[in-house]
Amino acid sequence: MTRTAEARDILILDDELAITRALRRLLGMRHRVRCAATPAEALALIEARLPDVLLSDYQLAEVTADAFLRQVKARWPSIRCILHSASQRDRWTGLLEDGVLDAVLLKPASVPELLALVESRPR
């Protein structure tokens, strides 16, 4: 697989290195991928170049992504925010109800599910 005219700029926020590596390898075949392990790193990358898609875990090493995702959506509403998480639904439902999240992908997700969400057109 190679990058196409439809390639997206994807930012992955996840503190688990194995997951980040796997997602980078998979998505990097078709898209431009950058990775961050903390909300602060992700924010710096967003400020340097806006991604089309932010694929974020919910439970990070020292914090949840709740406040960060709300900040991103408030400042840059054009970024598609996709939660990729194993956290229980009641922990992130408010983000979905408030329109902060564009989609949720529960771990473990299949490759076709992941690609379909990342490559789908924003609503």
PDB file of N, CA and C in Angstrom:
ATOM      1  N   MET A   1       0.841  -1.180   0.000  1.00  0.00           N
ATOM      2  CA  MET A   1       0.000   0.000   0.000  1.00  0.00           C
ATOM      3  C   MET A   1       0.885   1.242   0.000  1.00  0.00           C
ATOM      4  N   THR A   2       0.447   2.230  -0.725  1.00  0.00           N
ATOM      5  CA  THR A   2       1.201   3.476  -0.767  1.00  0.00           C
ATOM      6  C   THR A   2       0.273   4.629  -0.458  1.00  0.00           C
ATOM      7  N   ARG A   3       0.869   5.752  -0.151  1.00  0.00           N
ATOM      8  CA  ARG A   3       0.074   6.945   0.124  1.00  0.00           C
ATOM      9  C   ARG A   3      -0.602   7.404  -1.155  1.00  0.00           C
ATOM     10  N   THR A   4      -1.816   7.909  -1.002  1.00  0.00           N
ATOM     11  CA  THR A   4      -2.585   8.363  -2.153  1.00  0.00           C
ATOM     12  C   THR A   4      -2.931   9.827  -1.979  1.00  0.00           C
ATOM     13  N   ALA A   5      -3.648  10.373  -2.966  1.00  0.00           N
ATOM     14  CA  ALA A   5      -4.095  11.761  -2.886  1.00  0.00           C
ATOM     15  C   ALA A   5      -5.033  11.959  -1.704  1.00  0.00           C
ATOM     16  N   GLU A   6      -5.643  10.872  -1.227  1.00  0.00           N
ATOM     17  CA  GLU A   6      -6.564  10.932  -0.098  1.00  0.00           C
ATOM     18  C   GLU A   6      -5.854  10.751   1.240  1.00  0.00           C
ATOM     19  N   ALA A   7      -4.533  10.738   1.230  1.00  0.00           N
ATOM     20  CA  ALA A   7      -3.790  10.538   2.474  1.00  0.00           C
ATOM     21  C   ALA A   7      -4.146  11.627   3.476  1.00  0.00           C
ATOM     22  N   ARG A   8      -4.263  11.222   4.705  1.00  0.00           N
ATOM     23  CA  ARG A   8      -4.592  12.150   5.778  1.00  0.00           C
ATOM     24  C   ARG A   8      -3.395  12.326   6.702  1.00  0.00           C
ATOM     25  N   ASP A   9      -3.403  13.447   7.389  1.00  0.00           N
ATOM     26  CA  ASP A   9      -2.399  13.714   8.405  1.00  0.00           C
ATOM     27  C   ASP A   9      -3.009  13.266   9.726  1.00  0.00           C
ATOM     28  N   ILE A  10      -2.424  12.249  10.332  1.00  0.00           N
ATOM     29  CA  ILE A  10      -2.978  11.642  11.539  1.00  0.00           C
ATOM     30  C   ILE A  10      -2.019  11.837  12.707  1.00  0.00           C
ATOM     31  N   LEU A  11      -2.567  12.271  13.824  1.00  0.00           N
ATOM     32  CA  LEU A  11      -1.806  12.388  15.054  1.00  0.00           C
ATOM     33  C   LEU A  11      -2.339  11.344  16.030  1.00  0.00           C
ATOM     34  N   ILE A  12      -1.441  10.499  16.523  1.00  0.00           N
ATOM     35  CA  ILE A  12      -1.799   9.463  17.487  1.00  0.00           C
ATOM     36  C   ILE A  12      -1.327   9.900  18.864  1.00  0.00           C
ATOM     37  N   LEU A  13      -2.232   9.897  19.831  1.00  0.00           N
ATOM     38  CA  LEU A  13      -1.887  10.173  21.223  1.00  0.00           C
ATOM     39  C   LEU A  13      -2.142   8.906  22.024  1.00  0.00           C
ATOM     40  N   ASP A  14      -1.055   8.256  22.432  1.00  0.00           N
ATOM     41  CA  ASP A  14      -1.167   7.040  23.244  1.00  0.00           C
ATOM     42  C   ASP A  14       0.141   6.872  23.994  1.00  0.00           C
ATOM     43  N   ASP A  15       0.059   6.532  25.267  1.00  0.00           N
ATOM     44  CA  ASP A  15       1.269   6.382  26.068  1.00  0.00           C
ATOM     45  C   ASP A  15       1.842   4.965  26.031  1.00  0.00           C
ATOM     46  N   GLU A  16       1.173   4.045  25.357  1.00  0.00           N
ATOM     47  CA  GLU A  16       1.681   2.680  25.232  1.00  0.00           C
ATOM     48  C   GLU A  16       2.469   2.557  23.934  1.00  0.00           C
ATOM     49  N   LEU A  17       3.781   2.418  24.079  1.00  0.00           N
ATOM     50  CA  LEU A  17       4.680   2.419  22.936  1.00  0.00           C
ATOM     51  C   LEU A  17       4.351   1.328  21.918  1.00  0.00           C
ATOM     52  N   ALA A  18       4.005   0.147  22.376  1.00  0.00           N
ATOM     53  CA  ALA A  18       3.690  -0.944  21.449  1.00  0.00           C
ATOM     54  C   ALA A  18       2.477  -0.599  20.586  1.00  0.00           C
ATOM     55  N   ILE A  19       1.478   0.006  21.188  1.00  0.00           N
ATOM     56  CA  ILE A  19       0.283   0.400  20.427  1.00  0.00           C
ATOM     57  C   ILE A  19       0.627   1.502  19.440  1.00  0.00           C
ATOM     58  N   THR A  20       1.384   2.479  19.890  1.00  0.00           N
ATOM     59  CA  THR A  20       1.779   3.578  19.013  1.00  0.00           C
ATOM     60  C   THR A  20       2.570   3.060  17.815  1.00  0.00           C
ATOM     61  N   ARG A  21       3.512   2.172  18.066  1.00  0.00           N
ATOM     62  CA  ARG A  21       4.317   1.607  16.965  1.00  0.00           C
ATOM     63  C   ARG A  21       3.452   0.853  15.966  1.00  0.00           C
ATOM     64  N   ALA A  22       2.537   0.040  16.485  1.00  0.00           N
ATOM     65  CA  ALA A  22       1.670  -0.742  15.596  1.00  0.00           C
ATOM     66  C   ALA A  22       0.772   0.171  14.762  1.00  0.00           C
ATOM     67  N   LEU A  23       0.193   1.189  15.394  1.00  0.00           N
ATOM     68  CA  LEU A  23      -0.677   2.111  14.659  1.00  0.00           C
ATOM     69  C   LEU A  23       0.116   2.906  13.629  1.00  0.00           C
ATOM     70  N   ARG A  24       1.317   3.347  14.006  1.00  0.00           N
ATOM     71  CA  ARG A  24       2.159   4.092  13.062  1.00  0.00           C
ATOM     72  C   ARG A  24       2.498   3.230  11.848  1.00  0.00           C
ATOM     73  N   ARG A  25       2.865   1.981  12.099  1.00  0.00           N
ATOM     74  CA  ARG A  25       3.227   1.079  11.004  1.00  0.00           C
ATOM     75  C   ARG A  25       2.024   0.840  10.090  1.00  0.00           C
ATOM     76  N   LEU A  26       0.876   0.574  10.681  1.00  0.00           N
ATOM     77  CA  LEU A  26      -0.325   0.287   9.899  1.00  0.00           C
ATOM     78  C   LEU A  26      -0.815   1.519   9.132  1.00  0.00           C
ATOM     79  N   LEU A  27      -1.017   2.611   9.846  1.00  0.00           N
ATOM     80  CA  LEU A  27      -1.566   3.814   9.209  1.00  0.00           C
ATOM     81  C   LEU A  27      -0.547   4.519   8.318  1.00  0.00           C
ATOM     82  N   GLY A  28       0.726   4.366   8.644  1.00  0.00           N
ATOM     83  CA  GLY A  28       1.778   5.027   7.874  1.00  0.00           C
ATOM     84  C   GLY A  28       1.922   4.516   6.454  1.00  0.00           C
ATOM     85  N   MET A  29       1.345   3.369   6.158  1.00  0.00           N
ATOM     86  CA  MET A  29       1.388   2.853   4.785  1.00  0.00           C
ATOM     87  C   MET A  29       0.525   3.700   3.852  1.00  0.00           C
ATOM     88  N   ARG A  30      -0.485   4.358   4.408  1.00  0.00           N
ATOM     89  CA  ARG A  30      -1.421   5.133   3.594  1.00  0.00           C
ATOM     90  C   ARG A  30      -1.454   6.618   3.945  1.00  0.00           C
ATOM     91  N   HIS A  31      -0.985   6.961   5.139  1.00  0.00           N
ATOM     92  CA  HIS A  31      -1.177   8.318   5.640  1.00  0.00           C
ATOM     93  C   HIS A  31       0.102   8.866   6.278  1.00  0.00           C
ATOM     94  N   ARG A  32       0.124  10.164   6.492  1.00  0.00           N
ATOM     95  CA  ARG A  32       1.206  10.809   7.238  1.00  0.00           C
ATOM     96  C   ARG A  32       0.855  10.676   8.717  1.00  0.00           C
ATOM     97  N   VAL A  33       1.760  10.124   9.502  1.00  0.00           N
ATOM     98  CA  VAL A  33       1.463   9.824  10.903  1.00  0.00           C
ATOM     99  C   VAL A  33       2.517  10.458  11.813  1.00  0.00           C
ATOM    100  N   ARG A  34       2.028  11.126  12.834  1.00  0.00           N
ATOM    101  CA  ARG A  34       2.884  11.624  13.913  1.00  0.00           C
ATOM    102  C   ARG A  34       2.348  11.055  15.207  1.00  0.00           C
ATOM    103  N   CYS A  35       3.231  10.905  16.204  1.00  0.00           N
ATOM    104  CA  CYS A  35       2.833  10.275  17.464  1.00  0.00           C
ATOM    105  C   CYS A  35       3.276  11.115  18.651  1.00  0.00           C
ATOM    106  N   ALA A  36       2.466  11.052  19.692  1.00  0.00           N
ATOM    107  CA  ALA A  36       2.770  11.722  20.950  1.00  0.00           C
ATOM    108  C   ALA A  36       2.380  10.796  22.092  1.00  0.00           C
ATOM    109  N   ALA A  37       3.130  10.884  23.189  1.00  0.00           N
ATOM    110  CA  ALA A  37       2.847  10.060  24.359  1.00  0.00           C
ATOM    111  C   ALA A  37       2.110  10.828  25.446  1.00  0.00           C
ATOM    112  N   THR A  38       2.103  12.164  25.330  1.00  0.00           N
ATOM    113  CA  THR A  38       1.444  12.991  26.342  1.00  0.00           C
ATOM    114  C   THR A  38       0.608  14.075  25.664  1.00  0.00           C
ATOM    115  N   PRO A  39      -0.377  14.602  26.364  1.00  0.00           N
ATOM    116  CA  PRO A  39      -1.144  15.714  25.797  1.00  0.00           C
ATOM    117  C   PRO A  39      -0.260  16.917  25.455  1.00  0.00           C
ATOM    118  N   ALA A  40       0.755  17.192  26.261  1.00  0.00           N
ATOM    119  CA  ALA A  40       1.640  18.327  25.977  1.00  0.00           C
ATOM    120  C   ALA A  40       2.386  18.122  24.662  1.00  0.00           C
ATOM    121  N   GLU A  41       2.889  16.915  24.421  1.00  0.00           N
ATOM    122  CA  GLU A  41       3.560  16.616  23.153  1.00  0.00           C
ATOM    123  C   GLU A  41       2.583  16.740  21.991  1.00  0.00           C
ATOM    124  N   ALA A  42       1.387  16.225  22.173  1.00  0.00           N
ATOM    125  CA  ALA A  42       0.379  16.288  21.112  1.00  0.00           C
ATOM    126  C   ALA A  42       0.015  17.730  20.788  1.00  0.00           C
ATOM    127  N   LEU A  43      -0.130  18.548  21.811  1.00  0.00           N
ATOM    128  CA  LEU A  43      -0.463  19.955  21.600  1.00  0.00           C
ATOM    129  C   LEU A  43       0.620  20.657  20.793  1.00  0.00           C
ATOM    130  N   ALA A  44       1.882  20.395  21.109  1.00  0.00           N
ATOM    131  CA  ALA A  44       2.992  20.998  20.358  1.00  0.00           C
ATOM    132  C   ALA A  44       2.946  20.569  18.892  1.00  0.00           C
ATOM    133  N   LEU A  45       2.645  19.301  18.643  1.00  0.00           N
ATOM    134  CA  LEU A  45       2.560  18.815  17.261  1.00  0.00           C
ATOM    135  C   LEU A  45       1.382  19.439  16.520  1.00  0.00           C
ATOM    136  N   ILE A  46       0.260  19.600  17.207  1.00  0.00           N
ATOM    137  CA  ILE A  46      -0.910  20.233  16.582  1.00  0.00           C
ATOM    138  C   ILE A  46      -0.599  21.682  16.230  1.00  0.00           C
ATOM    139  N   GLU A  47       0.043  22.384  17.156  1.00  0.00           N
ATOM    140  CA  GLU A  47       0.369  23.791  16.900  1.00  0.00           C
ATOM    141  C   GLU A  47       1.365  23.941  15.758  1.00  0.00           C
ATOM    142  N   ALA A  48       2.212  22.950  15.553  1.00  0.00           N
ATOM    143  CA  ALA A  48       3.179  22.990  14.446  1.00  0.00           C
ATOM    144  C   ALA A  48       2.492  22.722  13.110  1.00  0.00           C
ATOM    145  N   ARG A  49       1.528  21.790  13.085  1.00  0.00           N
ATOM    146  CA  ARG A  49       0.795  21.463  11.854  1.00  0.00           C
ATOM    147  C   ARG A  49      -0.488  20.747  12.240  1.00  0.00           C
ATOM    148  N   LEU A  50      -1.613  21.309  11.842  1.00  0.00           N
ATOM    149  CA  LEU A  50      -2.903  20.709  12.186  1.00  0.00           C
ATOM    150  C   LEU A  50      -3.068  19.345  11.515  1.00  0.00           C
ATOM    151  N   PRO A  51      -3.435  18.335  12.294  1.00  0.00           N
ATOM    152  CA  PRO A  51      -3.751  17.046  11.684  1.00  0.00           C
ATOM    153  C   PRO A  51      -5.185  17.045  11.164  1.00  0.00           C
ATOM    154  N   ASP A  52      -5.468  16.129  10.273  1.00  0.00           N
ATOM    155  CA  ASP A  52      -6.852  15.916   9.845  1.00  0.00           C
ATOM    156  C   ASP A  52      -7.591  15.108  10.906  1.00  0.00           C
ATOM    157  N   VAL A  53      -6.853  14.167  11.516  1.00  0.00           N
ATOM    158  CA  VAL A  53      -7.439  13.231  12.473  1.00  0.00           C
ATOM    159  C   VAL A  53      -6.553  13.150  13.709  1.00  0.00           C
ATOM    160  N   LEU A  54      -7.185  13.196  14.869  1.00  0.00           N
ATOM    161  CA  LEU A  54      -6.517  12.931  16.138  1.00  0.00           C
ATOM    162  C   LEU A  54      -7.082  11.621  16.668  1.00  0.00           C
ATOM    163  N   LEU A  55      -6.225  10.623  16.773  1.00  0.00           N
ATOM    164  CA  LEU A  55      -6.612   9.306  17.281  1.00  0.00           C
ATOM    165  C   LEU A  55      -6.016   9.202  18.678  1.00  0.00           C
ATOM    166  N   SER A  56      -6.878   9.276  19.696  1.00  0.00           N
ATOM    167  CA  SER A  56      -6.402   9.386  21.063  1.00  0.00           C
ATOM    168  C   SER A  56      -6.911   8.272  21.965  1.00  0.00           C
ATOM    169  N   ASP A  57      -6.017   7.781  22.804  1.00  0.00           N
ATOM    170  CA  ASP A  57      -6.407   6.899  23.887  1.00  0.00           C
ATOM    171  C   ASP A  57      -7.084   7.769  24.943  1.00  0.00           C
ATOM    172  N   TYR A  58      -7.859   7.175  25.816  1.00  0.00           N
ATOM    173  CA  TYR A  58      -8.502   7.946  26.878  1.00  0.00           C
ATOM    174  C   TYR A  58      -7.651   7.952  28.145  1.00  0.00           C
ATOM    175  N   GLN A  59      -7.250   6.784  28.591  1.00  0.00           N
ATOM    176  CA  GLN A  59      -6.481   6.677  29.825  1.00  0.00           C
ATOM    177  C   GLN A  59      -5.000   6.726  29.504  1.00  0.00           C
ATOM    178  N   LEU A  60      -4.379   7.844  29.826  1.00  0.00           N
ATOM    179  CA  LEU A  60      -2.953   8.019  29.598  1.00  0.00           C
ATOM    180  C   LEU A  60      -2.214   7.787  30.911  1.00  0.00           C
ATOM    181  N   ALA A  61      -0.897   7.868  30.897  1.00  0.00           N
ATOM    182  CA  ALA A  61      -0.085   7.510  32.069  1.00  0.00           C
ATOM    183  C   ALA A  61      -0.512   8.236  33.347  1.00  0.00           C
ATOM    184  N   GLU A  62      -0.634   9.540  33.295  1.00  0.00           N
ATOM    185  CA  GLU A  62      -0.913  10.290  34.512  1.00  0.00           C
ATOM    186  C   GLU A  62      -2.255  11.017  34.500  1.00  0.00           C
ATOM    187  N   VAL A  63      -2.908  11.061  33.359  1.00  0.00           N
ATOM    188  CA  VAL A  63      -4.167  11.792  33.223  1.00  0.00           C
ATOM    189  C   VAL A  63      -5.082  11.064  32.242  1.00  0.00           C
ATOM    190  N   THR A  64      -6.314  11.524  32.178  1.00  0.00           N
ATOM    191  CA  THR A  64      -7.181  11.074  31.090  1.00  0.00           C
ATOM    192  C   THR A  64      -7.095  12.136  30.000  1.00  0.00           C
ATOM    193  N   ALA A  65      -7.545  11.791  28.830  1.00  0.00           N
ATOM    194  CA  ALA A  65      -7.480  12.719  27.702  1.00  0.00           C
ATOM    195  C   ALA A  65      -8.667  13.676  27.663  1.00  0.00           C
ATOM    196  N   ASP A  66      -9.552  13.614  28.626  1.00  0.00           N
ATOM    197  CA  ASP A  66     -10.778  14.403  28.634  1.00  0.00           C
ATOM    198  C   ASP A  66     -10.539  15.895  28.401  1.00  0.00           C
ATOM    199  N   ALA A  67      -9.797  16.544  29.274  1.00  0.00           N
ATOM    200  CA  ALA A  67      -9.574  17.990  29.157  1.00  0.00           C
ATOM    201  C   ALA A  67      -8.827  18.332  27.866  1.00  0.00           C
ATOM    202  N   PHE A  68      -7.867  17.496  27.497  1.00  0.00           N
ATOM    203  CA  PHE A  68      -7.105  17.739  26.276  1.00  0.00           C
ATOM    204  C   PHE A  68      -8.006  17.692  25.040  1.00  0.00           C
ATOM    205  N   LEU A  69      -8.845  16.671  24.944  1.00  0.00           N
ATOM    206  CA  LEU A  69      -9.731  16.554  23.786  1.00  0.00           C
ATOM    207  C   LEU A  69     -10.717  17.718  23.714  1.00  0.00           C
ATOM    208  N   ARG A  70     -11.213  18.148  24.863  1.00  0.00           N
ATOM    209  CA  ARG A  70     -12.116  19.310  24.889  1.00  0.00           C
ATOM    210  C   ARG A  70     -11.387  20.567  24.401  1.00  0.00           C
ATOM    211  N   GLN A  71     -10.151  20.739  24.814  1.00  0.00           N
ATOM    212  CA  GLN A  71      -9.350  21.884  24.384  1.00  0.00           C
ATOM    213  C   GLN A  71      -9.119  21.844  22.869  1.00  0.00           C
ATOM    214  N   VAL A  72      -8.751  20.691  22.369  1.00  0.00           N
ATOM    215  CA  VAL A  72      -8.500  20.550  20.926  1.00  0.00           C
ATOM    216  C   VAL A  72      -9.745  20.893  20.129  1.00  0.00           C
ATOM    217  N   LYS A  73     -10.876  20.326  20.506  1.00  0.00           N
ATOM    218  CA  LYS A  73     -12.108  20.549  19.736  1.00  0.00           C
ATOM    219  C   LYS A  73     -12.555  22.003  19.814  1.00  0.00           C
ATOM    220  N   ALA A  74     -12.334  22.654  20.968  1.00  0.00           N
ATOM    221  CA  ALA A  74     -12.713  24.064  21.110  1.00  0.00           C
ATOM    222  C   ALA A  74     -11.822  24.963  20.243  1.00  0.00           C
ATOM    223  N   ARG A  75     -10.536  24.674  20.191  1.00  0.00           N
ATOM    224  CA  ARG A  75      -9.599  25.517  19.436  1.00  0.00           C
ATOM    225  C   ARG A  75      -9.558  25.189  17.953  1.00  0.00           C
ATOM    226  N   TRP A  76      -9.693  23.903  17.623  1.00  0.00           N
ATOM    227  CA  TRP A  76      -9.573  23.459  16.244  1.00  0.00           C
ATOM    228  C   TRP A  76     -10.722  22.511  15.895  1.00  0.00           C
ATOM    229  N   PRO A  77     -11.908  23.047  15.697  1.00  0.00           N
ATOM    230  CA  PRO A  77     -13.069  22.175  15.450  1.00  0.00           C
ATOM    231  C   PRO A  77     -12.967  21.342  14.175  1.00  0.00           C
ATOM    232  N   SER A  78     -12.062  21.694  13.274  1.00  0.00           N
ATOM    233  CA  SER A  78     -11.935  20.928  12.030  1.00  0.00           C
ATOM    234  C   SER A  78     -11.203  19.596  12.227  1.00  0.00           C
ATOM    235  N   ILE A  79     -10.510  19.435  13.341  1.00  0.00           N
ATOM    236  CA  ILE A  79      -9.803  18.176  13.586  1.00  0.00           C
ATOM    237  C   ILE A  79     -10.812  17.100  13.978  1.00  0.00           C
ATOM    238  N   ARG A  80     -10.797  15.983  13.255  1.00  0.00           N
ATOM    239  CA  ARG A  80     -11.654  14.845  13.620  1.00  0.00           C
ATOM    240  C   ARG A  80     -11.034  14.159  14.810  1.00  0.00           C
ATOM    241  N   CYS A  81     -11.751  14.099  15.901  1.00  0.00           N
ATOM    242  CA  CYS A  81     -11.267  13.461  17.127  1.00  0.00           C
ATOM    243  C   CYS A  81     -11.890  12.084  17.258  1.00  0.00           C
ATOM    244  N   ILE A  82     -11.024  11.067  17.216  1.00  0.00           N
ATOM    245  CA  ILE A  82     -11.469   9.685  17.345  1.00  0.00           C
ATOM    246  C   ILE A  82     -10.848   9.110  18.611  1.00  0.00           C
ATOM    247  N   LEU A  83     -11.684   8.604  19.485  1.00  0.00           N
ATOM    248  CA  LEU A  83     -11.196   7.968  20.699  1.00  0.00           C
ATOM    249  C   LEU A  83     -10.926   6.505  20.398  1.00  0.00           C
ATOM    250  N   HIS A  84      -9.734   6.037  20.752  1.00  0.00           N
ATOM    251  CA  HIS A  84      -9.333   4.641  20.576  1.00  0.00           C
ATOM    252  C   HIS A  84      -8.995   4.147  21.974  1.00  0.00           C
ATOM    253  N   SER A  85      -9.930   3.454  22.596  1.00  0.00           N
ATOM    254  CA  SER A  85      -9.772   3.201  24.024  1.00  0.00           C
ATOM    255  C   SER A  85     -10.388   1.886  24.471  1.00  0.00           C
ATOM    256  N   ALA A  86      -9.835   1.387  25.574  1.00  0.00           N
ATOM    257  CA  ALA A  86     -10.414   0.219  26.243  1.00  0.00           C
ATOM    258  C   ALA A  86     -11.148   0.642  27.508  1.00  0.00           C
ATOM    259  N   SER A  87     -11.171   1.937  27.787  1.00  0.00           N
ATOM    260  CA  SER A  87     -11.838   2.444  28.993  1.00  0.00           C
ATOM    261  C   SER A  87     -13.343   2.212  28.917  1.00  0.00           C
ATOM    262  N   GLN A  88     -13.935   2.042  30.070  1.00  0.00           N
ATOM    263  CA  GLN A  88     -15.372   1.814  30.129  1.00  0.00           C
ATOM    264  C   GLN A  88     -16.132   3.014  29.576  1.00  0.00           C
ATOM    265  N   ARG A  89     -17.228   2.714  28.917  1.00  0.00           N
ATOM    266  CA  ARG A  89     -18.042   3.722  28.233  1.00  0.00           C
ATOM    267  C   ARG A  89     -18.442   4.887  29.141  1.00  0.00           C
ATOM    268  N   ASP A  90     -18.768   4.624  30.381  1.00  0.00           N
ATOM    269  CA  ASP A  90     -19.227   5.700  31.256  1.00  0.00           C
ATOM    270  C   ASP A  90     -18.143   6.741  31.527  1.00  0.00           C
ATOM    271  N   ARG A  91     -16.896   6.415  31.242  1.00  0.00           N
ATOM    272  CA  ARG A  91     -15.798   7.361  31.463  1.00  0.00           C
ATOM    273  C   ARG A  91     -15.711   8.400  30.349  1.00  0.00           C
ATOM    274  N   TRP A  92     -16.113   8.048  29.124  1.00  0.00           N
ATOM    275  CA  TRP A  92     -15.966   8.976  27.997  1.00  0.00           C
ATOM    276  C   TRP A  92     -17.279   9.345  27.306  1.00  0.00           C
ATOM    277  N   THR A  93     -18.402   8.875  27.787  1.00  0.00           N
ATOM    278  CA  THR A  93     -19.695   9.161  27.164  1.00  0.00           C
ATOM    279  C   THR A  93     -19.962  10.663  27.068  1.00  0.00           C
ATOM    280  N   GLY A  94     -19.581  11.422  28.091  1.00  0.00           N
ATOM    281  CA  GLY A  94     -19.793  12.872  28.079  1.00  0.00           C
ATOM    282  C   GLY A  94     -19.100  13.541  26.911  1.00  0.00           C
ATOM    283  N   LEU A  95     -17.926  13.051  26.535  1.00  0.00           N
ATOM    284  CA  LEU A  95     -17.212  13.614  25.383  1.00  0.00           C
ATOM    285  C   LEU A  95     -18.001  13.396  24.094  1.00  0.00           C
ATOM    286  N   LEU A  96     -18.597  12.244  23.976  1.00  0.00           N
ATOM    287  CA  LEU A  96     -19.401  11.927  22.792  1.00  0.00           C
ATOM    288  C   LEU A  96     -20.672  12.765  22.775  1.00  0.00           C
ATOM    289  N   GLU A  97     -21.344  12.836  23.913  1.00  0.00           N
ATOM    290  CA  GLU A  97     -22.592  13.603  24.007  1.00  0.00           C
ATOM    291  C   GLU A  97     -22.367  15.098  23.775  1.00  0.00           C
ATOM    292  N   ASP A  98     -21.213  15.611  24.182  1.00  0.00           N
ATOM    293  CA  ASP A  98     -20.903  17.038  24.020  1.00  0.00           C
ATOM    294  C   ASP A  98     -20.343  17.387  22.642  1.00  0.00           C
ATOM    295  N   GLY A  99     -20.238  16.406  21.767  1.00  0.00           N
ATOM    296  CA  GLY A  99     -19.748  16.673  20.419  1.00  0.00           C
ATOM    297  C   GLY A  99     -18.246  16.833  20.316  1.00  0.00           C
ATOM    298  N   VAL A 100     -17.518  16.443  21.360  1.00  0.00           N
ATOM    299  CA  VAL A 100     -16.061  16.534  21.333  1.00  0.00           C
ATOM    300  C   VAL A 100     -15.485  15.424  20.458  1.00  0.00           C
ATOM    301  N   LEU A 101     -16.080  14.244  20.539  1.00  0.00           N
ATOM    302  CA  LEU A 101     -15.621  13.107  19.755  1.00  0.00           C
ATOM    303  C   LEU A 101     -16.439  12.965  18.480  1.00  0.00           C
ATOM    304  N   ASP A 102     -15.736  12.675  17.402  1.00  0.00           N
ATOM    305  CA  ASP A 102     -16.410  12.398  16.133  1.00  0.00           C
ATOM    306  C   ASP A 102     -16.717  10.912  15.998  1.00  0.00           C
ATOM    307  N   ALA A 103     -15.930  10.100  16.701  1.00  0.00           N
ATOM    308  CA  ALA A 103     -16.142   8.653  16.653  1.00  0.00           C
ATOM    309  C   ALA A 103     -15.413   8.000  17.817  1.00  0.00           C
ATOM    310  N   VAL A 104     -15.812   6.761  18.109  1.00  0.00           N
ATOM    311  CA  VAL A 104     -15.169   5.968  19.148  1.00  0.00           C
ATOM    312  C   VAL A 104     -14.842   4.605  18.556  1.00  0.00           C
ATOM    313  N   LEU A 105     -13.632   4.159  18.797  1.00  0.00           N
ATOM    314  CA  LEU A 105     -13.178   2.854  18.348  1.00  0.00           C
ATOM    315  C   LEU A 105     -12.682   2.111  19.583  1.00  0.00           C
ATOM    316  N   LEU A 106     -13.390   1.064  19.966  1.00  0.00           N
ATOM    317  CA  LEU A 106     -13.031   0.330  21.172  1.00  0.00           C
ATOM    318  C   LEU A 106     -11.896  -0.652  20.897  1.00  0.00           C
ATOM    319  N   LYS A 107     -10.955  -0.714  21.854  1.00  0.00           N
ATOM    320  CA  LYS A 107      -9.852  -1.670  21.767  1.00  0.00           C
ATOM    321  C   LYS A 107     -10.348  -3.012  22.275  1.00  0.00           C
ATOM    322  N   PRO A 108      -9.958  -4.097  21.674  1.00  0.00           N
ATOM    323  CA  PRO A 108      -9.156  -4.165  20.457  1.00  0.00           C
ATOM    324  C   PRO A 108     -10.049  -3.973  19.230  1.00  0.00           C
ATOM    325  N   ALA A 109      -9.565  -3.238  18.281  1.00  0.00           N
ATOM    326  CA  ALA A 109     -10.329  -2.984  17.059  1.00  0.00           C
ATOM    327  C   ALA A 109      -9.671  -3.719  15.895  1.00  0.00           C
ATOM    328  N   SER A 110     -10.470  -4.071  14.933  1.00  0.00           N
ATOM    329  CA  SER A 110      -9.918  -4.736  13.753  1.00  0.00           C
ATOM    330  C   SER A 110      -9.293  -3.691  12.831  1.00  0.00           C
ATOM    331  N   VAL A 111      -8.399  -4.139  11.993  1.00  0.00           N
ATOM    332  CA  VAL A 111      -7.755  -3.244  11.030  1.00  0.00           C
ATOM    333  C   VAL A 111      -8.797  -2.607  10.107  1.00  0.00           C
ATOM    334  N   PRO A 112      -9.753  -3.368   9.559  1.00  0.00           N
ATOM    335  CA  PRO A 112     -10.759  -2.727   8.708  1.00  0.00           C
ATOM    336  C   PRO A 112     -11.569  -1.647   9.434  1.00  0.00           C
ATOM    337  N   GLU A 113     -11.916  -1.891  10.712  1.00  0.00           N
ATOM    338  CA  GLU A 113     -12.648  -0.877  11.484  1.00  0.00           C
ATOM    339  C   GLU A 113     -11.818   0.399  11.630  1.00  0.00           C
ATOM    340  N   LEU A 114     -10.551   0.229  11.980  1.00  0.00           N
ATOM    341  CA  LEU A 114      -9.663   1.371  12.164  1.00  0.00           C
ATOM    342  C   LEU A 114      -9.523   2.169  10.874  1.00  0.00           C
ATOM    343  N   LEU A 115      -9.233   1.491   9.784  1.00  0.00           N
ATOM    344  CA  LEU A 115      -9.058   2.187   8.508  1.00  0.00           C
ATOM    345  C   LEU A 115     -10.346   2.863   8.058  1.00  0.00           C
ATOM    346  N   ALA A 116     -11.474   2.204   8.246  1.00  0.00           N
ATOM    347  CA  ALA A 116     -12.753   2.796   7.839  1.00  0.00           C
ATOM    348  C   ALA A 116     -13.013   4.094   8.585  1.00  0.00           C
ATOM    349  N   LEU A 117     -12.745   4.127   9.874  1.00  0.00           N
ATOM    350  CA  LEU A 117     -12.980   5.344  10.649  1.00  0.00           C
ATOM    351  C   LEU A 117     -12.018   6.459  10.269  1.00  0.00           C
ATOM    352  N   VAL A 118     -10.747   6.132  10.158  1.00  0.00           N
ATOM    353  CA  VAL A 118      -9.737   7.146   9.846  1.00  0.00           C
ATOM    354  C   VAL A 118      -9.936   7.697   8.434  1.00  0.00           C
ATOM    355  N   GLU A 119     -10.329   6.835   7.512  1.00  0.00           N
ATOM    356  CA  GLU A 119     -10.432   7.251   6.115  1.00  0.00           C
ATOM    357  C   GLU A 119     -11.808   7.746   5.724  1.00  0.00           C
ATOM    358  N   SER A 120     -12.783   7.638   6.610  1.00  0.00           N
ATOM    359  CA  SER A 120     -14.123   8.135   6.263  1.00  0.00           C
ATOM    360  C   SER A 120     -14.135   9.653   6.238  1.00  0.00           C
ATOM    361  N   ARG A 121     -15.049  10.175   5.495  1.00  0.00           N
ATOM    362  CA  ARG A 121     -15.209  11.630   5.406  1.00  0.00           C
ATOM    363  C   ARG A 121     -15.826  12.165   6.693  1.00  0.00           C
ATOM    364  N   PRO A 122     -15.389  13.331   7.133  1.00  0.00           N
ATOM    365  CA  PRO A 122     -16.006  13.917   8.326  1.00  0.00           C
ATOM    366  C   PRO A 122     -17.468  14.227   8.078  1.00  0.00           C
ATOM    367  N   ARG A 123     -18.249  14.196   9.174  1.00  0.00           N
ATOM    368  CA  ARG A 123     -19.669  14.515   9.040  1.00  0.00           C
ATOM    369  C   ARG A 123     -19.848  16.009   8.882  1.00  0.00           C
TER     370      ARG A 123
END
